[in-house]
Amino acid sequence: MADKLKMTRSSGNVFADLGFPPAEAQNLLLRTTLMIAIEKFIADNDLSQRAAAARLGVTAPRLNDLLRGKIEKFSLDALVTMLARVGLRVELKVSRAPARRKAA
């Protein structure tokens, strides 16, 4: 008989689920969200990497790093600045974090 697959409910933050410390997991999630917004902007506007880089105010190699998901190369500040350059506004909401689950 096959073993049953055990499912664990996500916390809503894949980085926390992977075991990153809470502060780092939150930062990674925010940066990922902004990187996805930049990728969506590029796709929605059918921009070449060269054109997108010019509009975002970065070099083509820097944009390529973003599109390849090299999250470690981008700060929140840099990503917010890129989005502002193309007329997009980033909104931030602060709320109390849910209670942390205890390990069984």
N, C-alpha and C. Protein backbone atom coordinates (compact mmCIF):
# COMPACT_ATOMS: atom_id res chain seq x y z
N MET A 1 0.84 -1.18 0.00
CA MET A 1 0.00 0.00 0.00
C MET A 1 0.89 1.25 0.00
N ALA A 2 0.53 2.20 -0.79
CA ALA A 2 1.32 3.44 -0.90
C ALA A 2 1.15 4.30 0.34
N ASP A 3 2.22 4.99 0.70
CA ASP A 3 2.14 5.92 1.82
C ASP A 3 1.24 7.09 1.46
N LYS A 4 0.52 7.56 2.46
CA LYS A 4 -0.32 8.73 2.22
C LYS A 4 0.56 9.97 2.16
N LEU A 5 0.22 10.86 1.27
CA LEU A 5 0.93 12.11 1.13
C LEU A 5 0.51 13.06 2.25
N LYS A 6 1.48 13.57 2.97
CA LYS A 6 1.18 14.50 4.06
C LYS A 6 1.21 15.92 3.51
N MET A 7 0.14 16.66 3.76
CA MET A 7 0.06 18.04 3.30
C MET A 7 0.17 18.96 4.51
N THR A 8 0.86 20.06 4.30
CA THR A 8 0.99 21.08 5.33
C THR A 8 0.44 22.38 4.77
N ARG A 9 -0.41 23.02 5.52
CA ARG A 9 -0.99 24.31 5.08
C ARG A 9 0.12 25.36 5.03
N SER A 10 0.13 26.15 3.97
CA SER A 10 1.11 27.21 3.81
C SER A 10 0.83 28.35 4.78
N SER A 11 1.87 29.02 5.16
CA SER A 11 1.74 30.20 6.01
C SER A 11 1.34 31.42 5.18
N GLY A 12 1.41 31.29 3.87
CA GLY A 12 1.17 32.43 2.99
C GLY A 12 2.47 33.07 2.53
N ASN A 13 3.58 32.59 3.07
CA ASN A 13 4.89 33.09 2.68
C ASN A 13 5.78 31.88 2.43
N VAL A 14 6.05 31.62 1.17
CA VAL A 14 6.82 30.43 0.80
C VAL A 14 8.20 30.44 1.45
N PHE A 15 8.78 31.62 1.63
CA PHE A 15 10.11 31.70 2.24
C PHE A 15 10.07 31.29 3.71
N ALA A 16 9.02 31.67 4.41
CA ALA A 16 8.86 31.23 5.81
C ALA A 16 8.65 29.72 5.83
N ASP A 17 7.86 29.22 4.89
CA ASP A 17 7.61 27.78 4.82
C ASP A 17 8.88 26.99 4.55
N LEU A 18 9.83 27.63 3.85
CA LEU A 18 11.10 26.97 3.55
C LEU A 18 12.09 27.06 4.70
N GLY A 19 11.72 27.79 5.76
CA GLY A 19 12.56 27.83 6.95
C GLY A 19 13.40 29.08 7.12
N PHE A 20 13.21 30.09 6.27
CA PHE A 20 13.95 31.33 6.46
C PHE A 20 13.49 32.00 7.75
N PRO A 21 14.37 32.72 8.43
CA PRO A 21 13.95 33.47 9.62
C PRO A 21 12.83 34.46 9.24
N PRO A 22 11.93 34.76 10.16
CA PRO A 22 10.77 35.59 9.83
C PRO A 22 11.09 36.92 9.13
N ALA A 23 12.07 37.66 9.62
CA ALA A 23 12.38 38.96 9.01
C ALA A 23 12.89 38.79 7.58
N GLU A 24 13.76 37.82 7.38
CA GLU A 24 14.30 37.57 6.05
C GLU A 24 13.21 37.06 5.11
N ALA A 25 12.34 36.20 5.60
CA ALA A 25 11.25 35.67 4.79
C ALA A 25 10.34 36.79 4.32
N GLN A 26 10.04 37.74 5.20
CA GLN A 26 9.18 38.87 4.83
C GLN A 26 9.86 39.74 3.78
N ASN A 27 11.14 40.01 3.96
CA ASN A 27 11.88 40.83 3.01
C ASN A 27 11.93 40.15 1.64
N LEU A 28 12.19 38.85 1.61
CA LEU A 28 12.23 38.12 0.35
C LEU A 28 10.87 38.13 -0.34
N LEU A 29 9.81 37.98 0.43
CA LEU A 29 8.47 38.00 -0.16
C LEU A 29 8.16 39.37 -0.78
N LEU A 30 8.50 40.44 -0.08
CA LEU A 30 8.28 41.79 -0.61
C LEU A 30 9.07 42.02 -1.89
N ARG A 31 10.35 41.64 -1.89
CA ARG A 31 11.17 41.83 -3.09
C ARG A 31 10.65 41.00 -4.25
N THR A 32 10.24 39.77 -3.96
CA THR A 32 9.68 38.92 -5.01
C THR A 32 8.44 39.55 -5.62
N THR A 33 7.57 40.08 -4.78
CA THR A 33 6.34 40.71 -5.25
C THR A 33 6.66 41.89 -6.18
N LEU A 34 7.65 42.71 -5.82
CA LEU A 34 8.02 43.85 -6.65
C LEU A 34 8.69 43.40 -7.94
N MET A 35 9.50 42.36 -7.88
CA MET A 35 10.14 41.85 -9.09
C MET A 35 9.09 41.32 -10.06
N ILE A 36 8.10 40.65 -9.56
CA ILE A 36 7.02 40.14 -10.41
C ILE A 36 6.25 41.30 -11.03
N ALA A 37 6.04 42.37 -10.27
CA ALA A 37 5.35 43.55 -10.81
C ALA A 37 6.13 44.17 -11.96
N ILE A 38 7.45 44.19 -11.85
CA ILE A 38 8.29 44.73 -12.93
C ILE A 38 8.20 43.82 -14.15
N GLU A 39 8.29 42.52 -13.95
CA GLU A 39 8.15 41.58 -15.07
C GLU A 39 6.80 41.74 -15.76
N LYS A 40 5.74 41.92 -14.97
CA LYS A 40 4.41 42.10 -15.53
C LYS A 40 4.33 43.39 -16.33
N PHE A 41 4.92 44.46 -15.82
CA PHE A 41 4.95 45.74 -16.54
C PHE A 41 5.61 45.56 -17.91
N ILE A 42 6.72 44.87 -17.93
CA ILE A 42 7.46 44.65 -19.18
C ILE A 42 6.60 43.85 -20.16
N ALA A 43 5.99 42.78 -19.69
CA ALA A 43 5.16 41.94 -20.55
C ALA A 43 3.92 42.69 -21.03
N ASP A 44 3.24 43.40 -20.12
CA ASP A 44 2.02 44.13 -20.48
C ASP A 44 2.28 45.21 -21.51
N ASN A 45 3.50 45.77 -21.50
CA ASN A 45 3.84 46.83 -22.44
C ASN A 45 4.65 46.33 -23.62
N ASP A 46 4.81 45.00 -23.71
CA ASP A 46 5.51 44.36 -24.82
C ASP A 46 6.85 45.03 -25.11
N LEU A 47 7.64 45.24 -24.03
CA LEU A 47 8.92 45.92 -24.16
C LEU A 47 10.06 44.93 -24.36
N SER A 48 11.02 45.32 -25.18
CA SER A 48 12.25 44.53 -25.28
C SER A 48 13.04 44.78 -24.00
N GLN A 49 14.02 43.93 -23.72
CA GLN A 49 14.83 44.14 -22.52
C GLN A 49 15.55 45.48 -22.59
N ARG A 50 16.02 45.84 -23.75
CA ARG A 50 16.73 47.12 -23.89
C ARG A 50 15.80 48.30 -23.59
N ALA A 51 14.60 48.28 -24.18
CA ALA A 51 13.63 49.36 -23.95
C ALA A 51 13.19 49.39 -22.49
N ALA A 52 12.95 48.22 -21.92
CA ALA A 52 12.52 48.15 -20.52
C ALA A 52 13.61 48.69 -19.60
N ALA A 53 14.85 48.31 -19.85
CA ALA A 53 15.97 48.78 -19.03
C ALA A 53 16.06 50.30 -19.08
N ALA A 54 15.90 50.88 -20.25
CA ALA A 54 15.97 52.34 -20.39
C ALA A 54 14.85 53.00 -19.59
N ARG A 55 13.64 52.47 -19.68
CA ARG A 55 12.51 53.06 -18.96
C ARG A 55 12.66 52.90 -17.45
N LEU A 56 13.23 51.78 -17.02
CA LEU A 56 13.40 51.51 -15.59
C LEU A 56 14.63 52.21 -15.01
N GLY A 57 15.49 52.75 -15.90
CA GLY A 57 16.68 53.45 -15.45
C GLY A 57 17.79 52.54 -14.98
N VAL A 58 17.88 51.35 -15.58
CA VAL A 58 18.94 50.40 -15.24
C VAL A 58 19.61 49.93 -16.52
N THR A 59 20.73 49.26 -16.37
CA THR A 59 21.40 48.69 -17.54
C THR A 59 20.70 47.40 -17.97
N ALA A 60 20.93 47.00 -19.21
CA ALA A 60 20.34 45.75 -19.69
C ALA A 60 20.83 44.55 -18.87
N PRO A 61 22.13 44.47 -18.53
CA PRO A 61 22.55 43.34 -17.69
C PRO A 61 21.87 43.31 -16.32
N ARG A 62 21.63 44.50 -15.75
CA ARG A 62 20.94 44.56 -14.45
C ARG A 62 19.51 44.07 -14.58
N LEU A 63 18.84 44.48 -15.64
CA LEU A 63 17.48 44.01 -15.88
C LEU A 63 17.48 42.50 -16.10
N ASN A 64 18.47 42.01 -16.81
CA ASN A 64 18.56 40.57 -17.04
C ASN A 64 18.68 39.81 -15.72
N ASP A 65 19.44 40.36 -14.78
CA ASP A 65 19.54 39.74 -13.45
C ASP A 65 18.16 39.66 -12.79
N LEU A 66 17.39 40.73 -12.91
CA LEU A 66 16.05 40.74 -12.34
C LEU A 66 15.18 39.69 -13.00
N LEU A 67 15.20 39.64 -14.31
CA LEU A 67 14.35 38.69 -15.04
C LEU A 67 14.76 37.24 -14.81
N ARG A 68 15.99 37.03 -14.41
CA ARG A 68 16.47 35.68 -14.08
C ARG A 68 16.24 35.34 -12.61
N GLY A 69 15.60 36.26 -11.89
CA GLY A 69 15.24 35.98 -10.50
C GLY A 69 16.37 36.10 -9.50
N LYS A 70 17.40 36.85 -9.81
CA LYS A 70 18.54 37.00 -8.90
C LYS A 70 18.19 38.00 -7.80
N ILE A 71 17.32 37.56 -6.93
CA ILE A 71 16.74 38.41 -5.90
C ILE A 71 17.79 39.03 -4.98
N GLU A 72 18.89 38.32 -4.76
CA GLU A 72 19.92 38.82 -3.85
C GLU A 72 20.59 40.09 -4.35
N LYS A 73 20.41 40.42 -5.62
CA LYS A 73 21.04 41.60 -6.21
C LYS A 73 20.16 42.85 -6.13
N PHE A 74 18.96 42.73 -5.54
CA PHE A 74 18.02 43.85 -5.55
C PHE A 74 17.50 44.14 -4.15
N SER A 75 17.62 45.40 -3.76
CA SER A 75 17.05 45.85 -2.49
C SER A 75 15.62 46.30 -2.73
N LEU A 76 14.87 46.41 -1.65
CA LEU A 76 13.51 46.96 -1.76
C LEU A 76 13.56 48.36 -2.35
N ASP A 77 14.52 49.16 -1.90
CA ASP A 77 14.65 50.53 -2.37
C ASP A 77 14.87 50.58 -3.89
N ALA A 78 15.76 49.75 -4.40
CA ALA A 78 16.03 49.73 -5.83
C ALA A 78 14.79 49.33 -6.63
N LEU A 79 14.06 48.36 -6.15
CA LEU A 79 12.86 47.89 -6.86
C LEU A 79 11.75 48.95 -6.84
N VAL A 80 11.57 49.62 -5.70
CA VAL A 80 10.56 50.68 -5.61
C VAL A 80 10.94 51.82 -6.56
N THR A 81 12.20 52.15 -6.62
CA THR A 81 12.67 53.22 -7.52
C THR A 81 12.39 52.86 -8.97
N MET A 82 12.67 51.64 -9.37
CA MET A 82 12.40 51.22 -10.76
C MET A 82 10.92 51.33 -11.09
N LEU A 83 10.08 50.89 -10.18
CA LEU A 83 8.63 50.96 -10.42
C LEU A 83 8.17 52.41 -10.51
N ALA A 84 8.70 53.27 -9.67
CA ALA A 84 8.32 54.69 -9.71
C ALA A 84 8.72 55.33 -11.03
N ARG A 85 9.85 54.92 -11.57
CA ARG A 85 10.33 55.49 -12.85
C ARG A 85 9.37 55.20 -14.00
N VAL A 86 8.60 54.14 -13.89
CA VAL A 86 7.65 53.81 -14.97
C VAL A 86 6.22 54.19 -14.58
N GLY A 87 6.10 54.99 -13.53
CA GLY A 87 4.80 55.51 -13.16
C GLY A 87 3.93 54.58 -12.32
N LEU A 88 4.55 53.61 -11.68
CA LEU A 88 3.80 52.70 -10.82
C LEU A 88 4.08 53.05 -9.36
N ARG A 89 3.05 52.97 -8.55
CA ARG A 89 3.16 53.32 -7.14
C ARG A 89 3.12 52.04 -6.31
N VAL A 90 3.99 51.97 -5.35
CA VAL A 90 4.01 50.84 -4.42
C VAL A 90 3.32 51.27 -3.15
N GLU A 91 2.36 50.48 -2.70
CA GLU A 91 1.66 50.75 -1.45
C GLU A 91 2.05 49.70 -0.43
N LEU A 92 2.14 50.09 0.80
CA LEU A 92 2.59 49.21 1.86
C LEU A 92 1.54 49.17 2.96
N LYS A 93 1.27 48.00 3.46
CA LYS A 93 0.33 47.82 4.55
C LYS A 93 1.06 47.11 5.68
N VAL A 94 0.94 47.63 6.87
CA VAL A 94 1.58 47.02 8.03
C VAL A 94 0.48 46.45 8.92
N SER A 95 0.64 45.19 9.33
CA SER A 95 -0.33 44.57 10.22
C SER A 95 0.39 43.62 11.17
N ARG A 96 -0.31 43.21 12.18
CA ARG A 96 0.27 42.29 13.16
C ARG A 96 0.48 40.92 12.51
N ALA A 97 1.63 40.34 12.74
CA ALA A 97 1.94 39.02 12.19
C ALA A 97 1.13 37.97 12.94
N PRO A 98 0.71 36.91 12.25
CA PRO A 98 -0.01 35.83 12.94
C PRO A 98 0.94 35.13 13.93
N ALA A 99 0.35 34.54 14.94
CA ALA A 99 1.16 33.82 15.94
C ALA A 99 1.93 32.71 15.24
N ARG A 100 3.16 32.54 15.64
CA ARG A 100 4.01 31.50 15.05
C ARG A 100 3.59 30.15 15.58
N ARG A 101 3.58 29.17 14.68
CA ARG A 101 3.24 27.80 15.10
C ARG A 101 4.41 27.17 15.81
N LYS A 102 4.12 26.38 16.80
CA LYS A 102 5.16 25.62 17.50
C LYS A 102 5.42 24.33 16.75
N ALA A 103 6.69 23.92 16.70
CA ALA A 103 7.04 22.67 16.05
C ALA A 103 6.47 21.51 16.88
N ALA A 104 5.97 20.51 16.18
CA ALA A 104 5.37 19.35 16.88
C ALA A 104 6.43 18.42 17.39
